[in-house]
C-alpha atoms as a PDB file:
ATOM      1  CA  UNK A   1      -7.903 -18.007  -8.626  1.00  0.00           C
ATOM      2  CA  UNK A   2      -6.359 -15.107  -6.674  1.00  0.00           C
ATOM      3  CA  UNK A   3      -8.611 -12.445  -5.174  1.00  0.00           C
ATOM      4  CA  UNK A   4      -6.499  -9.688  -6.743  1.00  0.00           C
ATOM      5  CA  UNK A   5      -4.099 -10.030  -9.640  1.00  0.00           C
ATOM      6  CA  UNK A   6      -2.081  -7.277 -11.313  1.00  0.00           C
ATOM      7  CA  UNK A   7      -0.566  -8.267 -14.641  1.00  0.00           C
ATOM      8  CA  UNK A   8       2.123  -6.001 -16.146  1.00  0.00           C
ATOM      9  CA  UNK A   9       0.404  -2.831 -14.947  1.00  0.00           C
ATOM     10  CA  UNK A  10       2.034   0.335 -16.283  1.00  0.00           C
ATOM     11  CA  UNK A  11       1.142   3.908 -15.290  1.00  0.00           C
ATOM     12  CA  UNK A  12       2.211   7.254 -16.754  1.00  0.00           C
ATOM     13  CA  UNK A  13       1.704  10.944 -15.956  1.00  0.00           C
ATOM     14  CA  UNK A  14       0.725  13.364 -18.732  1.00  0.00           C
ATOM     15  CA  UNK A  15       3.197  16.243 -18.900  1.00  0.00           C
ATOM     16  CA  UNK A  16       3.442  18.762 -21.744  1.00  0.00           C
ATOM     17  CA  UNK A  17       1.485  16.541 -24.144  1.00  0.00           C
ATOM     18  CA  UNK A  18       3.703  13.529 -23.426  1.00  0.00           C
ATOM     19  CA  UNK A  19       3.267  10.534 -21.150  1.00  0.00           C
ATOM     20  CA  UNK A  20       6.046  10.081 -18.578  1.00  0.00           C
ATOM     21  CA  UNK A  21       6.135   6.452 -17.314  1.00  0.00           C
ATOM     22  CA  UNK A  22       6.087   6.154 -13.509  1.00  0.00           C
ATOM     23  CA  UNK A  23       5.123   2.504 -12.890  1.00  0.00           C
ATOM     24  CA  UNK A  24       6.442  -0.252 -15.150  1.00  0.00           C
ATOM     25  CA  UNK A  25       5.118  -3.800 -15.662  1.00  0.00           C
ATOM     26  CA  UNK A  26       3.932  -4.240 -12.074  1.00  0.00           C
ATOM     27  CA  UNK A  27       2.683  -7.780 -11.414  1.00  0.00           C
ATOM     28  CA  UNK A  28       1.598  -9.542  -8.233  1.00  0.00           C
ATOM     29  CA  UNK A  29      -1.247 -11.659  -6.881  1.00  0.00           C
ATOM     30  CA  UNK A  30      -3.003 -11.604  -3.521  1.00  0.00           C
ATOM     31  CA  UNK A  31      -5.085 -14.404  -2.065  1.00  0.00           C
ATOM     32  CA  UNK A  32      -7.972 -13.951   0.362  1.00  0.00           C
ATOM     33  CA  UNK A  33      -6.843 -13.718   4.023  1.00  0.00           C
ATOM     34  CA  UNK A  34      -3.251 -12.832   2.979  1.00  0.00           C
ATOM     35  CA  UNK A  35      -1.280  -9.653   3.681  1.00  0.00           C
ATOM     36  CA  UNK A  36       1.040  -8.247   1.011  1.00  0.00           C
ATOM     37  CA  UNK A  37       3.560  -5.599   1.976  1.00  0.00           C
ATOM     38  CA  UNK A  38       4.728  -3.096  -0.645  1.00  0.00           C
ATOM     39  CA  UNK A  39       7.850  -1.272   0.491  1.00  0.00           C
ATOM     40  CA  UNK A  40      10.168   1.384  -0.933  1.00  0.00           C
ATOM     41  CA  UNK A  41      11.303   4.983  -0.586  1.00  0.00           C
ATOM     42  CA  UNK A  42       8.937   7.869  -1.274  1.00  0.00           C
ATOM     43  CA  UNK A  43       8.424   8.356  -5.006  1.00  0.00           C
ATOM     44  CA  UNK A  44       8.808   4.682  -5.955  1.00  0.00           C
ATOM     45  CA  UNK A  45       5.214   4.263  -7.194  1.00  0.00           C
ATOM     46  CA  UNK A  46       3.647   2.498  -4.208  1.00  0.00           C
ATOM     47  CA  UNK A  47       0.707   4.858  -3.731  1.00  0.00           C
ATOM     48  CA  UNK A  48       0.049   5.251  -7.469  1.00  0.00           C
ATOM     49  CA  UNK A  49      -0.251   1.474  -7.740  1.00  0.00           C
ATOM     50  CA  UNK A  50      -2.744   1.445  -4.865  1.00  0.00           C
ATOM     51  CA  UNK A  51      -4.783   4.316  -6.322  1.00  0.00           C
ATOM     52  CA  UNK A  52      -4.950   2.525  -9.673  1.00  0.00           C
ATOM     53  CA  UNK A  53      -6.408  -0.556  -7.969  1.00  0.00           C
ATOM     54  CA  UNK A  54      -9.011   1.591  -6.225  1.00  0.00           C
ATOM     55  CA  UNK A  55      -9.903   3.430  -9.440  1.00  0.00           C
ATOM     56  CA  UNK A  56      -8.985   6.820  -7.969  1.00  0.00           C
ATOM     57  CA  UNK A  57      -6.918   8.043 -10.926  1.00  0.00           C
ATOM     58  CA  UNK A  58      -9.888   9.060 -13.069  1.00  0.00           C
ATOM     59  CA  UNK A  59     -10.003  12.748 -13.901  1.00  0.00           C
ATOM     60  CA  UNK A  60      -6.319  13.260 -13.089  1.00  0.00           C
ATOM     61  CA  UNK A  61      -3.190  13.583 -15.197  1.00  0.00           C
ATOM     62  CA  UNK A  62      -2.320   9.973 -14.403  1.00  0.00           C
ATOM     63  CA  UNK A  63      -3.053   7.282 -17.008  1.00  0.00           C
ATOM     64  CA  UNK A  64      -2.960   3.497 -16.926  1.00  0.00           C
ATOM     65  CA  UNK A  65      -1.137   2.700 -20.158  1.00  0.00           C
ATOM     66  CA  UNK A  66      -0.909  -1.115 -20.108  1.00  0.00           C
ATOM     67  CA  UNK A  67      -1.747  -4.242 -18.165  1.00  0.00           C
ATOM     68  CA  UNK A  68      -4.785  -5.412 -16.234  1.00  0.00           C
ATOM     69  CA  UNK A  69      -6.204  -5.446 -12.706  1.00  0.00           C
ATOM     70  CA  UNK A  70      -8.342  -8.499 -12.008  1.00  0.00           C
ATOM     71  CA  UNK A  71     -10.413  -8.459  -8.827  1.00  0.00           C
ATOM     72  CA  UNK A  72     -12.423 -11.577  -8.029  1.00  0.00           C
ATOM     73  CA  UNK A  73     -12.068 -12.644 -11.672  1.00  0.00           C
ATOM     74  CA  UNK A  74     -13.191  -9.321 -13.192  1.00  0.00           C
ATOM     75  CA  UNK A  75     -10.846  -6.931 -15.019  1.00  0.00           C
ATOM     76  CA  UNK A  76     -11.530  -3.625 -13.266  1.00  0.00           C
ATOM     77  CA  UNK A  77     -10.126  -1.640 -16.180  1.00  0.00           C
ATOM     78  CA  UNK A  78     -12.964  -2.881 -18.399  1.00  0.00           C
ATOM     79  CA  UNK A  79     -15.717  -1.589 -16.084  1.00  0.00           C
ATOM     80  CA  UNK A  80     -17.450   1.751 -16.585  1.00  0.00           C
ATOM     81  CA  UNK A  81     -17.395   4.451 -13.901  1.00  0.00           C
ATOM     82  CA  UNK A  82     -20.719   3.416 -12.335  1.00  0.00           C
ATOM     83  CA  UNK A  83     -19.688  -0.237 -12.059  1.00  0.00           C
ATOM     84  CA  UNK A  84     -16.295   0.720 -10.610  1.00  0.00           C
ATOM     85  CA  UNK A  85     -17.823   3.003  -7.985  1.00  0.00           C
ATOM     86  CA  UNK A  86     -20.162   0.231  -6.859  1.00  0.00           C
ATOM     87  CA  UNK A  87     -17.054  -1.796  -5.884  1.00  0.00           C
ATOM     88  CA  UNK A  88     -15.056   1.068  -4.321  1.00  0.00           C
ATOM     89  CA  UNK A  89     -15.816   1.392  -0.617  1.00  0.00           C
ATOM     90  CA  UNK A  90     -17.832  -1.827  -0.695  1.00  0.00           C
ATOM     91  CA  UNK A  91     -15.857  -4.858  -1.915  1.00  0.00           C
ATOM     92  CA  UNK A  92     -12.551  -2.981  -1.654  1.00  0.00           C
ATOM     93  CA  UNK A  93     -11.601  -0.089   0.588  1.00  0.00           C
ATOM     94  CA  UNK A  94      -8.585   2.087   1.340  1.00  0.00           C
ATOM     95  CA  UNK A  95      -7.064   3.667   4.437  1.00  0.00           C
ATOM     96  CA  UNK A  96      -5.166   6.783   3.443  1.00  0.00           C
ATOM     97  CA  UNK A  97      -1.901   8.097   4.797  1.00  0.00           C
ATOM     98  CA  UNK A  98      -3.134  11.155   6.705  1.00  0.00           C
ATOM     99  CA  UNK A  99      -6.588  10.917   8.345  1.00  0.00           C
ATOM    100  CA  UNK A 100      -6.767  14.642   9.117  1.00  0.00           C
ATOM    101  CA  UNK A 101      -6.832  15.421   5.385  1.00  0.00           C
ATOM    102  CA  UNK A 102      -8.922  12.348   4.485  1.00  0.00           C
ATOM    103  CA  UNK A 103     -11.759  12.997   6.922  1.00  0.00           C
ATOM    104  CA  UNK A 104     -14.075  15.895   6.094  1.00  0.00           C
ATOM    105  CA  UNK A 105     -13.556  18.559   8.799  1.00  0.00           C
ATOM    106  CA  UNK A 106     -17.117  19.948   8.584  1.00  0.00           C
ATOM    107  CA  UNK A 107     -18.949  16.641   9.142  1.00  0.00           C
ATOM    108  CA  UNK A 108     -19.184  14.629  12.342  1.00  0.00           C
ATOM    109  CA  UNK A 109     -17.484  11.253  12.186  1.00  0.00           C
ATOM    110  CA  UNK A 110     -20.810   9.451  12.575  1.00  0.00           C
ATOM    111  CA  UNK A 111     -22.080  11.049   9.369  1.00  0.00           C
ATOM    112  CA  UNK A 112     -18.929  10.024   7.519  1.00  0.00           C
ATOM    113  CA  UNK A 113     -19.292   6.387   8.572  1.00  0.00           C
ATOM    114  CA  UNK A 114     -23.041   6.166   7.873  1.00  0.00           C
ATOM    115  CA  UNK A 115     -22.586   7.685   4.400  1.00  0.00           C
ATOM    116  CA  UNK A 116     -20.742   4.550   3.262  1.00  0.00           C
ATOM    117  CA  UNK A 117     -23.380   2.255   4.733  1.00  0.00           C
ATOM    118  CA  UNK A 118     -26.287   4.158   3.213  1.00  0.00           C
ATOM    119  CA  UNK A 119     -24.575   4.320  -0.182  1.00  0.00           C
ATOM    120  CA  UNK A 120     -23.557   0.671  -0.497  1.00  0.00           C
ATOM    121  CA  UNK A 121     -25.858  -1.203   1.909  1.00  0.00           C
ATOM    122  CA  UNK A 122     -28.965   0.977   1.500  1.00  0.00           C
ATOM    123  CA  UNK A 123     -29.456   1.014   5.268  1.00  0.00           C
ATOM    124  CA  UNK A 124     -31.931   3.375   6.879  1.00  0.00           C
ATOM    125  CA  UNK A 125     -30.482   6.303   8.796  1.00  0.00           C
ATOM    126  CA  UNK A 126     -31.311   4.600  12.104  1.00  0.00           C
ATOM    127  CA  UNK A 127     -29.757   1.249  11.156  1.00  0.00           C
ATOM    128  CA  UNK A 128     -26.702   2.934   9.650  1.00  0.00           C
ATOM    129  CA  UNK A 129     -26.120   4.846  12.889  1.00  0.00           C
ATOM    130  CA  UNK A 130     -26.465   1.624  14.901  1.00  0.00           C
ATOM    131  CA  UNK A 131     -23.881  -0.060  12.647  1.00  0.00           C
ATOM    132  CA  UNK A 132     -21.594   2.978  12.969  1.00  0.00           C
ATOM    133  CA  UNK A 133     -21.674   2.616  16.770  1.00  0.00           C
ATOM    134  CA  UNK A 134     -20.761  -1.072  16.400  1.00  0.00           C
ATOM    135  CA  UNK A 135     -17.822  -0.159  14.166  1.00  0.00           C
ATOM    136  CA  UNK A 136     -16.527   2.495  16.560  1.00  0.00           C
ATOM    137  CA  UNK A 137     -16.667  -0.062  19.344  1.00  0.00           C
ATOM    138  CA  UNK A 138     -14.946  -2.618  17.101  1.00  0.00           C
ATOM    139  CA  UNK A 139     -12.021  -0.269  16.453  1.00  0.00           C
ATOM    140  CA  UNK A 140     -11.813   0.467  20.182  1.00  0.00           C
ATOM    141  CA  UNK A 141     -12.913   4.098  20.209  1.00  0.00           C
ATOM    142  CA  UNK A 142     -13.808   4.899  23.852  1.00  0.00           C
ATOM    143  CA  UNK A 143     -17.385   5.988  24.565  1.00  0.00           C
ATOM    144  CA  UNK A 144     -18.637   5.536  20.986  1.00  0.00           C
ATOM    145  CA  UNK A 145     -22.051   7.043  21.838  1.00  0.00           C
ATOM    146  CA  UNK A 146     -20.298  10.332  22.555  1.00  0.00           C
ATOM    147  CA  UNK A 147     -17.537  10.154  19.958  1.00  0.00           C
ATOM    148  CA  UNK A 148     -19.947   9.491  17.095  1.00  0.00           C
ATOM    149  CA  UNK A 149     -20.971  13.160  17.344  1.00  0.00           C
ATOM    150  CA  UNK A 150     -17.374  14.461  17.364  1.00  0.00           C
ATOM    151  CA  UNK A 151     -15.702  16.364  14.551  1.00  0.00           C
ATOM    152  CA  UNK A 152     -12.310  15.048  13.319  1.00  0.00           C
ATOM    153  CA  UNK A 153     -10.352  17.864  15.004  1.00  0.00           C
ATOM    154  CA  UNK A 154     -11.759  16.783  18.381  1.00  0.00           C
ATOM    155  CA  UNK A 155     -10.055  13.385  18.154  1.00  0.00           C
ATOM    156  CA  UNK A 156      -6.428  12.392  18.642  1.00  0.00           C
ATOM    157  CA  UNK A 157      -4.315  11.199  15.713  1.00  0.00           C
ATOM    158  CA  UNK A 158      -4.727   7.558  16.731  1.00  0.00           C
ATOM    159  CA  UNK A 159      -8.494   7.942  17.105  1.00  0.00           C
ATOM    160  CA  UNK A 160      -8.794   9.574  13.682  1.00  0.00           C
ATOM    161  CA  UNK A 161      -6.898   6.672  12.149  1.00  0.00           C
ATOM    162  CA  UNK A 162      -9.262   4.239  13.905  1.00  0.00           C
ATOM    163  CA  UNK A 163     -12.206   6.135  12.418  1.00  0.00           C
ATOM    164  CA  UNK A 164     -10.623   5.719   8.971  1.00  0.00           C
ATOM    165  CA  UNK A 165     -10.364   1.974   9.627  1.00  0.00           C
ATOM    166  CA  UNK A 166     -14.012   1.914  10.718  1.00  0.00           C
ATOM    167  CA  UNK A 167     -15.089   3.613   7.486  1.00  0.00           C
ATOM    168  CA  UNK A 168     -12.967   1.227   5.413  1.00  0.00           C
ATOM    169  CA  UNK A 169     -14.314  -1.867   7.221  1.00  0.00           C
ATOM    170  CA  UNK A 170     -17.951  -0.701   7.263  1.00  0.00           C
ATOM    171  CA  UNK A 171     -19.051  -2.964   4.404  1.00  0.00           C
ATOM    172  CA  UNK A 172     -16.754  -5.911   5.278  1.00  0.00           C
ATOM    173  CA  UNK A 173     -14.559  -5.501   2.176  1.00  0.00           C
ATOM    174  CA  UNK A 174     -12.744  -8.442   0.633  1.00  0.00           C
ATOM    175  CA  UNK A 175      -9.692  -6.218   0.036  1.00  0.00           C
ATOM    176  CA  UNK A 176      -8.277  -3.483   2.265  1.00  0.00           C
ATOM    177  CA  UNK A 177      -5.452  -1.228   1.058  1.00  0.00           C
ATOM    178  CA  UNK A 178      -3.590   0.599   3.837  1.00  0.00           C
ATOM    179  CA  UNK A 179      -1.305   3.315   2.460  1.00  0.00           C
ATOM    180  CA  UNK A 180       1.222   4.254   5.172  1.00  0.00           C
ATOM    181  CA  UNK A 181      -1.559   4.035   7.798  1.00  0.00           C
ATOM    182  CA  UNK A 182       0.731   4.757  10.767  1.00  0.00           C
ATOM    183  CA  UNK A 183       3.144   7.386   9.404  1.00  0.00           C
ATOM    184  CA  UNK A 184       1.895  10.253  11.596  1.00  0.00           C
ATOM    185  CA  UNK A 185       1.520   8.167  14.765  1.00  0.00           C
ATOM    186  CA  UNK A 186       3.906   7.521  17.626  1.00  0.00           C
ATOM    187  CA  UNK A 187       5.344   4.018  18.039  1.00  0.00           C
ATOM    188  CA  UNK A 188       2.868   2.832  20.686  1.00  0.00           C
ATOM    189  CA  UNK A 189      -0.216   3.978  18.757  1.00  0.00           C
ATOM    190  CA  UNK A 190       1.343   2.630  15.542  1.00  0.00           C
ATOM    191  CA  UNK A 191       1.471  -0.864  17.019  1.00  0.00           C
ATOM    192  CA  UNK A 192      -2.096  -0.580  18.321  1.00  0.00           C
ATOM    193  CA  UNK A 193      -3.427   0.449  14.884  1.00  0.00           C
ATOM    194  CA  UNK A 194      -1.554  -2.328  13.046  1.00  0.00           C
ATOM    195  CA  UNK A 195      -2.664  -4.928  15.606  1.00  0.00           C
ATOM    196  CA  UNK A 196      -6.232  -3.707  15.175  1.00  0.00           C
ATOM    197  CA  UNK A 197      -6.082  -4.109  11.396  1.00  0.00           C
ATOM    198  CA  UNK A 198      -4.726  -7.651  11.664  1.00  0.00           C
ATOM    199  CA  UNK A 199      -7.282  -8.552  14.335  1.00  0.00           C
ATOM    200  CA  UNK A 200     -10.077  -7.357  12.044  1.00  0.00           C
ATOM    201  CA  UNK A 201      -8.512  -9.395   9.250  1.00  0.00           C
ATOM    202  CA  UNK A 202      -8.620 -12.538  11.387  1.00  0.00           C
ATOM    203  CA  UNK A 203     -12.281 -11.898  12.160  1.00  0.00           C
ATOM    204  CA  UNK A 204     -13.456 -11.059   8.641  1.00  0.00           C
ATOM    205  CA  UNK A 205     -10.957 -12.773   6.309  1.00  0.00           C
ATOM    206  CA  UNK A 206     -10.119  -9.512   4.527  1.00  0.00           C
ATOM    207  CA  UNK A 207      -7.001  -9.505   2.331  1.00  0.00           C
ATOM    208  CA  UNK A 208      -4.688  -6.568   3.062  1.00  0.00           C
ATOM    209  CA  UNK A 209      -2.147  -4.608   1.030  1.00  0.00           C
ATOM    210  CA  UNK A 210       0.079  -2.741   3.481  1.00  0.00           C
ATOM    211  CA  UNK A 211       2.168   0.037   1.921  1.00  0.00           C
ATOM    212  CA  UNK A 212       5.137   1.325   3.876  1.00  0.00           C
ATOM    213  CA  UNK A 213       8.705   2.589   3.670  1.00  0.00           C
ATOM    214  CA  UNK A 214       9.486   0.724   6.901  1.00  0.00           C
ATOM    215  CA  UNK A 215      10.778  -2.820   6.454  1.00  0.00           C
ATOM    216  CA  UNK A 216      10.320  -3.445  10.177  1.00  0.00           C
ATOM    217  CA  UNK A 217       6.573  -2.819   9.931  1.00  0.00           C
ATOM    218  CA  UNK A 218       6.373  -5.019   6.844  1.00  0.00           C
ATOM    219  CA  UNK A 219       8.331  -7.872   8.470  1.00  0.00           C
ATOM    220  CA  UNK A 220       6.024  -8.001  11.486  1.00  0.00           C
ATOM    221  CA  UNK A 221       2.702  -7.768   9.675  1.00  0.00           C
ATOM    222  CA  UNK A 222       2.929  -9.303   6.172  1.00  0.00           C
ATOM    223  CA  UNK A 223       3.323 -12.811   4.803  1.00  0.00           C
ATOM    224  CA  UNK A 224       4.611 -11.628   1.402  1.00  0.00           C
ATOM    225  CA  UNK A 225       6.695  -8.614   0.361  1.00  0.00           C
ATOM    226  CA  UNK A 226       7.168  -6.686  -2.885  1.00  0.00           C
ATOM    227  CA  UNK A 227      10.000  -4.120  -2.911  1.00  0.00           C
ATOM    228  CA  UNK A 228       9.573  -1.258  -5.395  1.00  0.00           C
ATOM    229  CA  UNK A 229      12.162   1.118  -6.807  1.00  0.00           C
ATOM    230  CA  UNK A 230      11.415   3.790  -9.391  1.00  0.00           C
ATOM    231  CA  UNK A 231       8.149   2.239 -10.440  1.00  0.00           C
ATOM    232  CA  UNK A 232       9.360  -1.361 -10.728  1.00  0.00           C
ATOM    233  CA  UNK A 233       9.155  -4.344  -8.415  1.00  0.00           C
ATOM    234  CA  UNK A 234      12.812  -5.212  -7.872  1.00  0.00           C
ATOM    235  CA  UNK A 235      12.389  -8.050  -5.361  1.00  0.00           C
ATOM    236  CA  UNK A 236       9.393 -10.162  -4.388  1.00  0.00           C
ATOM    237  CA  UNK A 237       9.174 -13.121  -2.002  1.00  0.00           C
ATOM    238  CA  UNK A 238       7.378 -14.544   1.045  1.00  0.00           C
ATOM    239  CA  UNK A 239       8.391 -12.531   4.102  1.00  0.00           C
ATOM    240  CA  UNK A 240      10.446 -15.255   5.779  1.00  0.00           C
ATOM    241  CA  UNK A 241      12.349 -15.997   2.550  1.00  0.00           C
ATOM    242  CA  UNK A 242      13.033 -12.328   1.843  1.00  0.00           C
ATOM    243  CA  UNK A 243      14.391 -11.497   5.287  1.00  0.00           C
ATOM    244  CA  UNK A 244      16.460 -14.654   5.568  1.00  0.00           C
ATOM    245  CA  UNK A 245      18.036 -14.182   2.120  1.00  0.00           C
ATOM    246  CA  UNK A 246      17.791 -10.600   0.831  1.00  0.00           C
ATOM    247  CA  UNK A 247      19.285 -10.488  -2.648  1.00  0.00           C
ATOM    248  CA  UNK A 248      18.840  -7.070  -4.265  1.00  0.00           C
ATOM    249  CA  UNK A 249      21.328  -4.379  -3.091  1.00  0.00           C
ATOM    250  CA  UNK A 250      18.459  -1.921  -2.671  1.00  0.00           C
ATOM    251  CA  UNK A 251      16.550  -4.247  -0.321  1.00  0.00           C
ATOM    252  CA  UNK A 252      19.731  -4.807   1.669  1.00  0.00           C
ATOM    253  CA  UNK A 253      20.256  -1.068   1.885  1.00  0.00           C
ATOM    254  CA  UNK A 254      16.754  -0.496   3.238  1.00  0.00           C
ATOM    255  CA  UNK A 255      17.284  -3.081   5.961  1.00  0.00           C
ATOM    256  CA  UNK A 256      20.733  -1.750   6.888  1.00  0.00           C
ATOM    257  CA  UNK A 257      19.268   1.731   7.429  1.00  0.00           C
ATOM    258  CA  UNK A 258      16.963   0.526  10.223  1.00  0.00           C
ATOM    259  CA  UNK A 259      18.309   1.184  13.756  1.00  0.00           C
ATOM    260  CA  UNK A 260      18.699  -1.882  15.975  1.00  0.00           C
ATOM    261  CA  UNK A 261      18.929  -2.201  19.762  1.00  0.00           C
ATOM    262  CA  UNK A 262      21.160  -5.256  19.272  1.00  0.00           C
ATOM    263  CA  UNK A 263      23.941  -3.356  17.498  1.00  0.00           C
ATOM    264  CA  UNK A 264      26.207  -0.635  18.851  1.00  0.00           C
ATOM    265  CA  UNK A 265      26.908   1.680  15.908  1.00  0.00           C
ATOM    266  CA  UNK A 266      28.052   5.298  15.772  1.00  0.00           C
ATOM    267  CA  UNK A 267      25.889   5.996  12.719  1.00  0.00           C
ATOM    268  CA  UNK A 268      23.342   4.275  10.510  1.00  0.00           C
ATOM    269  CA  UNK A 269      24.121   3.130   7.027  1.00  0.00           C
ATOM    270  CA  UNK A 270      22.396   5.037   4.248  1.00  0.00           C
ATOM    271  CA  UNK A 271      21.770   4.347   0.587  1.00  0.00           C
ATOM    272  CA  UNK A 272      23.829   6.970  -1.277  1.00  0.00           C
ATOM    273  CA  UNK A 273      22.232   9.409  -3.680  1.00  0.00           C
ATOM    274  CA  UNK A 274      18.496   9.908  -4.111  1.00  0.00           C
ATOM    275  CA  UNK A 275      15.473   8.452  -5.862  1.00  0.00           C
ATOM    276  CA  UNK A 276      15.630   9.705  -9.491  1.00  0.00           C
ATOM    277  CA  UNK A 277      13.063  12.216 -10.713  1.00  0.00           C
ATOM    278  CA  UNK A 278      10.267  10.738 -12.836  1.00  0.00           C
ATOM    279  CA  UNK A 279      11.526  12.365 -16.033  1.00  0.00           C
ATOM    280  CA  UNK A 280      15.199  11.629 -15.366  1.00  0.00           C
ATOM    281  CA  UNK A 281      16.727   9.397 -18.026  1.00  0.00           C
ATOM    282  CA  UNK A 282      18.748   6.458 -16.705  1.00  0.00           C
ATOM    283  CA  UNK A 283      20.091   3.791 -19.051  1.00  0.00           C
ATOM    284  CA  UNK A 284      20.201   0.232 -17.800  1.00  0.00           C
ATOM    285  CA  UNK A 285      19.269  -0.603 -14.214  1.00  0.00           C
ATOM    286  CA  UNK A 286      17.524   2.333 -12.542  1.00  0.00           C
ATOM    287  CA  UNK A 287      19.370   1.639  -9.284  1.00  0.00           C
ATOM    288  CA  UNK A 288      22.884   1.496 -10.746  1.00  0.00           C
ATOM    289  CA  UNK A 289      23.854   5.140  -9.924  1.00  0.00           C
ATOM    290  CA  UNK A 290      23.385   4.300  -6.215  1.00  0.00           C
ATOM    291  CA  UNK A 291      24.571   0.693  -6.200  1.00  0.00           C
ATOM    292  CA  UNK A 292      27.944  -0.373  -4.760  1.00  0.00           C
ATOM    293  CA  UNK A 293      28.040  -3.437  -7.041  1.00  0.00           C
ATOM    294  CA  UNK A 294      27.534  -1.711 -10.406  1.00  0.00           C
ATOM    295  CA  UNK A 295      29.250  -3.356 -13.395  1.00  0.00           C
ATOM    296  CA  UNK A 296      29.181  -2.498 -17.090  1.00  0.00           C
ATOM    297  CA  UNK A 297      25.997  -4.514 -17.902  1.00  0.00           C
ATOM    298  CA  UNK A 298      24.132  -2.566 -15.195  1.00  0.00           C
ATOM    299  CA  UNK A 299      24.694   0.703 -17.065  1.00  0.00           C
ATOM    300  CA  UNK A 300      23.645  -0.670 -20.441  1.00  0.00           C
ATOM    301  CA  UNK A 301      20.708  -3.064 -20.066  1.00  0.00           C
ATOM    302  CA  UNK A 302      17.701  -2.982 -17.766  1.00  0.00           C
ATOM    303  CA  UNK A 303      17.457  -6.303 -15.873  1.00  0.00           C
ATOM    304  CA  UNK A 304      14.327  -8.451 -15.963  1.00  0.00           C
ATOM    305  CA  UNK A 305      12.490  -9.738 -12.887  1.00  0.00           C
ATOM    306  CA  UNK A 306      13.538 -13.396 -12.730  1.00  0.00           C
ATOM    307  CA  UNK A 307      12.981 -16.227 -10.276  1.00  0.00           C
ATOM    308  CA  UNK A 308      16.256 -17.084  -8.538  1.00  0.00           C
ATOM    309  CA  UNK A 309      14.556 -19.698  -6.378  1.00  0.00           C
ATOM    310  CA  UNK A 310      11.014 -20.894  -5.755  1.00  0.00           C
ATOM    311  CA  UNK A 311       8.702 -17.959  -4.962  1.00  0.00           C
ATOM    312  CA  UNK A 312      11.634 -15.507  -4.871  1.00  0.00           C
ATOM    313  CA  UNK A 313      12.072 -13.110  -7.805  1.00  0.00           C
ATOM    314  CA  UNK A 314      14.740 -10.416  -8.212  1.00  0.00           C
ATOM    315  CA  UNK A 315      15.413  -7.717 -10.831  1.00  0.00           C
ATOM    316  CA  UNK A 316      19.234  -7.701 -10.916  1.00  0.00           C
ATOM    317  CA  UNK A 317      21.907  -8.790 -13.400  1.00  0.00           C
ATOM    318  CA  UNK A 318      23.989 -10.324 -10.606  1.00  0.00           C
ATOM    319  CA  UNK A 319      21.277 -11.695  -8.341  1.00  0.00           C
ATOM    320  CA  UNK A 320      22.735 -14.083  -5.786  1.00  0.00           C
ATOM    321  CA  UNK A 321      26.369 -13.371  -6.747  1.00  0.00           C
ATOM    322  CA  UNK A 322      27.205 -10.987  -3.904  1.00  0.00           C
END
C-alpha cells in the first residue's frame, strides 16, 4: 500500500455562485522514501494540489469536488478538522515557496520551531528548545545557540529556508511537501537547500513531493515525475524514462526552454501563447492552442491519460507518433 495516494482528485474555485474547475481527475501514488516531482508553468494547479493534501483549503473559496486522498490507508477527506490538524505538521509537513512570508516576523525563530514540538509532541519548553537547537544544527545553521534567538529578518534567504525545513522536519514527518522551496534563492544556495532536503530524507526515510517549474531541478532530485498543465496531469513516468523519451509536446517544450552550456544558441525556444485563464473555455485538449502538432481531434475531444508503455502515461491523442 502506498504512503500517499490521490485518486481522481478534482478541485474548483467558487466564483459568483458557480464552481470553476481548476484541477481535474488528478491521480498519483507515492511510496515511503520516494521523491515525486510535480512540474509545470505557474497556474497549472501544482500548489492547489499540495494545499489540498495538507488540508489548507478549509475556509477558502476553494472546494474539493471529487476524488480521495489516502494517507497511510486513511482517506483524509473523511476526517474532521480536529483529526486533520493532528496530522498536519506532524505526520505530514510542508515547506512553502517564500519563507519571508511564511515565517512570523514578530516571533524569534526558536519560538516558531518549538511551537510545533509543543503542539504535536507535548514536549516541555526546555526539551522543545533543546530539540530546536538540534534541528538548527541538522539544517546547518551556523551558531545555532545564537541564531535561535534571531528574528526572520535577521537571517539570509538561505538561512530562512533552512529554518522552514527545520520546522517541517521537527516531528520527523512521513511526508514532506516542498512547494518551489528554492525559487527566491541563488543557484549555489538552491543546490545546498535541495541537497539538505535529500540528505534528511536519506536519514529519516521521509517521502517528498517536490513542486517546481524547473525540469532541471526535478531531473536531479526526483525518481518520478508528474507534469501538469491547466489542472491535469498530462505526462507521468519514472524520471529516467521521462527524460529519455519525452512524449507530450508540452513536456518537450519545457525541456527545450532550459538553457544548456553544451549548446550554442542565439535564443532559447519558448512555448508560444500563455497558460489559459481558469474560466477560459477550451474545447478538446487544453494545450491545443499552443501545440505545434494540433490536428482536428485535438480541438474536439479531450484526450484521456493512457499508458503508452509500462509506468509511462500520457494525455495526448497522438502520443508517440511525433
